[in-house]
C-alpha atoms as a PDB file:
ATOM      1  CA  MET A   1       0.823 -10.455  29.395  1.00  0.00           C
ATOM      2  CA  SER A   2      -2.386  -8.674  28.386  1.00  0.00           C
ATOM      3  CA  SER A   3      -3.840  -8.871  24.987  1.00  0.00           C
ATOM      4  CA  ARG A   4      -3.133  -5.410  24.020  1.00  0.00           C
ATOM      5  CA  ASP A   5       0.527  -5.900  24.745  1.00  0.00           C
ATOM      6  CA  LEU A   6       0.416  -9.151  22.604  1.00  0.00           C
ATOM      7  CA  LEU A   7      -1.300  -7.119  19.917  1.00  0.00           C
ATOM      8  CA  PHE A   8       1.408  -4.430  19.881  1.00  0.00           C
ATOM      9  CA  LEU A   9       4.127  -7.188  19.497  1.00  0.00           C
ATOM     10  CA  LEU A  10       2.359  -9.125  16.743  1.00  0.00           C
ATOM     11  CA  GLU A  11       1.970  -5.632  14.976  1.00  0.00           C
ATOM     12  CA  ASP A  12       5.696  -5.065  15.401  1.00  0.00           C
ATOM     13  CA  ILE A  13       6.432  -8.199  13.929  1.00  0.00           C
ATOM     14  CA  LEU A  14       4.444  -7.930  11.049  1.00  0.00           C
ATOM     15  CA  GLU A  15       5.122  -4.316  10.281  1.00  0.00           C
ATOM     16  CA  SER A  16       9.098  -5.357  10.436  1.00  0.00           C
ATOM     17  CA  ALA A  17       8.357  -8.322   7.976  1.00  0.00           C
ATOM     18  CA  LEU A  18       6.312  -6.147   5.542  1.00  0.00           C
ATOM     19  CA  LYS A  19       9.215  -3.568   5.560  1.00  0.00           C
ATOM     20  CA  ILE A  20      12.175  -6.154   5.033  1.00  0.00           C
ATOM     21  CA  LYS A  21       9.561  -7.379   2.130  1.00  0.00           C
ATOM     22  CA  LYS A  22       9.278  -3.974   0.594  1.00  0.00           C
ATOM     23  CA  TYR A  23      12.942  -2.979   1.018  1.00  0.00           C
ATOM     24  CA  THR A  24      14.057  -6.255  -0.657  1.00  0.00           C
ATOM     25  CA  GLU A  25      11.426  -6.784  -3.355  1.00  0.00           C
ATOM     26  CA  GLY A  26      13.071  -6.760  -6.648  1.00  0.00           C
ATOM     27  CA  LEU A  27      16.565  -6.564  -5.703  1.00  0.00           C
ATOM     28  CA  SER A  28      19.135  -9.052  -6.984  1.00  0.00           C
ATOM     29  CA  TYR A  29      21.446 -10.190  -4.043  1.00  0.00           C
ATOM     30  CA  GLU A  30      24.275  -8.312  -5.627  1.00  0.00           C
ATOM     31  CA  THR A  31      22.619  -5.082  -5.287  1.00  0.00           C
ATOM     32  CA  PHE A  32      21.309  -5.852  -1.846  1.00  0.00           C
ATOM     33  CA  ILE A  33      24.656  -6.523  -0.312  1.00  0.00           C
ATOM     34  CA  ASN A  34      26.364  -3.237  -2.064  1.00  0.00           C
ATOM     35  CA  VAL A  35      23.394  -0.947  -0.770  1.00  0.00           C
ATOM     36  CA  ASP A  36      24.317  -0.286   3.041  1.00  0.00           C
ATOM     37  CA  LYS A  37      21.065   1.721   3.689  1.00  0.00           C
ATOM     38  CA  THR A  38      19.375  -1.430   2.641  1.00  0.00           C
ATOM     39  CA  ILE A  39      21.331  -3.769   4.888  1.00  0.00           C
ATOM     40  CA  ASP A  40      20.773  -1.551   7.689  1.00  0.00           C
ATOM     41  CA  ALA A  41      17.247  -1.159   7.564  1.00  0.00           C
ATOM     42  CA  VAL A  42      16.580  -4.945   6.814  1.00  0.00           C
ATOM     43  CA  THR A  43      18.950  -5.738   9.921  1.00  0.00           C
ATOM     44  CA  ARG A  44      17.364  -3.325  11.834  1.00  0.00           C
ATOM     45  CA  ASN A  45      13.775  -4.930  11.027  1.00  0.00           C
ATOM     46  CA  PHE A  46      14.886  -8.508  11.964  1.00  0.00           C
ATOM     47  CA  GLU A  47      16.113  -6.982  15.204  1.00  0.00           C
ATOM     48  CA  ILE A  48      12.638  -5.813  15.922  1.00  0.00           C
ATOM     49  CA  ILE A  49      11.411  -8.964  14.832  1.00  0.00           C
ATOM     50  CA  GLY A  50      13.426 -10.955  17.207  1.00  0.00           C
ATOM     51  CA  GLU A  51      12.782  -8.643  20.081  1.00  0.00           C
ATOM     52  CA  ALA A  52       9.573  -8.612  19.812  1.00  0.00           C
ATOM     53  CA  SER A  53       9.086 -12.742  19.261  1.00  0.00           C
ATOM     54  CA  SER A  54      11.295 -13.121  22.693  1.00  0.00           C
ATOM     55  CA  ARG A  55       9.081 -10.759  24.592  1.00  0.00           C
ATOM     56  CA  ILE A  56       5.619 -12.826  23.233  1.00  0.00           C
ATOM     57  CA  ASP A  57       4.237 -14.751  26.159  1.00  0.00           C
ATOM     58  CA  LYS A  58       4.889 -18.532  26.238  1.00  0.00           C
ATOM     59  CA  ASP A  59       1.258 -19.742  26.456  1.00  0.00           C
ATOM     60  CA  PHE A  60       0.987 -18.103  23.165  1.00  0.00           C
ATOM     61  CA  LYS A  61       4.050 -19.939  21.853  1.00  0.00           C
ATOM     62  CA  ILE A  62       2.996 -22.927  22.943  1.00  0.00           C
ATOM     63  CA  ASN A  63      -0.208 -22.492  20.954  1.00  0.00           C
ATOM     64  CA  ASN A  64       1.641 -21.533  17.764  1.00  0.00           C
ATOM     65  CA  PRO A  65       4.143 -23.963  17.184  1.00  0.00           C
ATOM     66  CA  HIS A  66       3.744 -23.309  13.329  1.00  0.00           C
ATOM     67  CA  ILE A  67       6.061 -20.235  14.258  1.00  0.00           C
ATOM     68  CA  GLU A  68      10.023 -21.271  14.868  1.00  0.00           C
ATOM     69  CA  TRP A  69      10.180 -18.603  17.782  1.00  0.00           C
ATOM     70  CA  ASP A  70      13.593 -19.686  18.718  1.00  0.00           C
ATOM     71  CA  ARG A  71      14.872 -19.255  15.520  1.00  0.00           C
ATOM     72  CA  LEU A  72      13.651 -15.592  15.230  1.00  0.00           C
ATOM     73  CA  ARG A  73      14.925 -14.822  18.622  1.00  0.00           C
ATOM     74  CA  GLY A  74      18.399 -16.466  17.707  1.00  0.00           C
ATOM     75  CA  PHE A  75      18.914 -14.887  14.287  1.00  0.00           C
ATOM     76  CA  ARG A  76      18.161 -11.855  16.174  1.00  0.00           C
ATOM     77  CA  ASN A  77      21.041 -12.361  18.566  1.00  0.00           C
ATOM     78  CA  ARG A  78      23.146 -13.554  15.941  1.00  0.00           C
ATOM     79  CA  ILE A  79      22.677 -10.334  14.241  1.00  0.00           C
ATOM     80  CA  VAL A  80      23.396  -8.202  17.008  1.00  0.00           C
ATOM     81  CA  HIS A  81      26.273  -9.927  18.614  1.00  0.00           C
ATOM     82  CA  GLU A  82      28.028 -10.418  15.643  1.00  0.00           C
ATOM     83  CA  TYR A  83      27.884  -7.086  14.594  1.00  0.00           C
ATOM     84  CA  LEU A  84      28.967  -5.835  18.137  1.00  0.00           C
ATOM     85  CA  GLY A  85      31.307  -8.684  18.388  1.00  0.00           C
END
């Protein structure tokens, strides 16, 4: 994986995380679960985070064990497969 590709994936993860924060900041749980647009937007950004994290080079993951890479990918898979299943 080129460093350029890695940078794009990391930027996708960061951008999606910031969007999730922006979309949910100040919302109560009750408000969140009753606004379909917000649920859809947050779900989509978690999908992007999971997909990007699954494409990151193994060596980078090994050198950054403080990030729970498997959980990111697993959460994405759970969202996608529960939605489609």
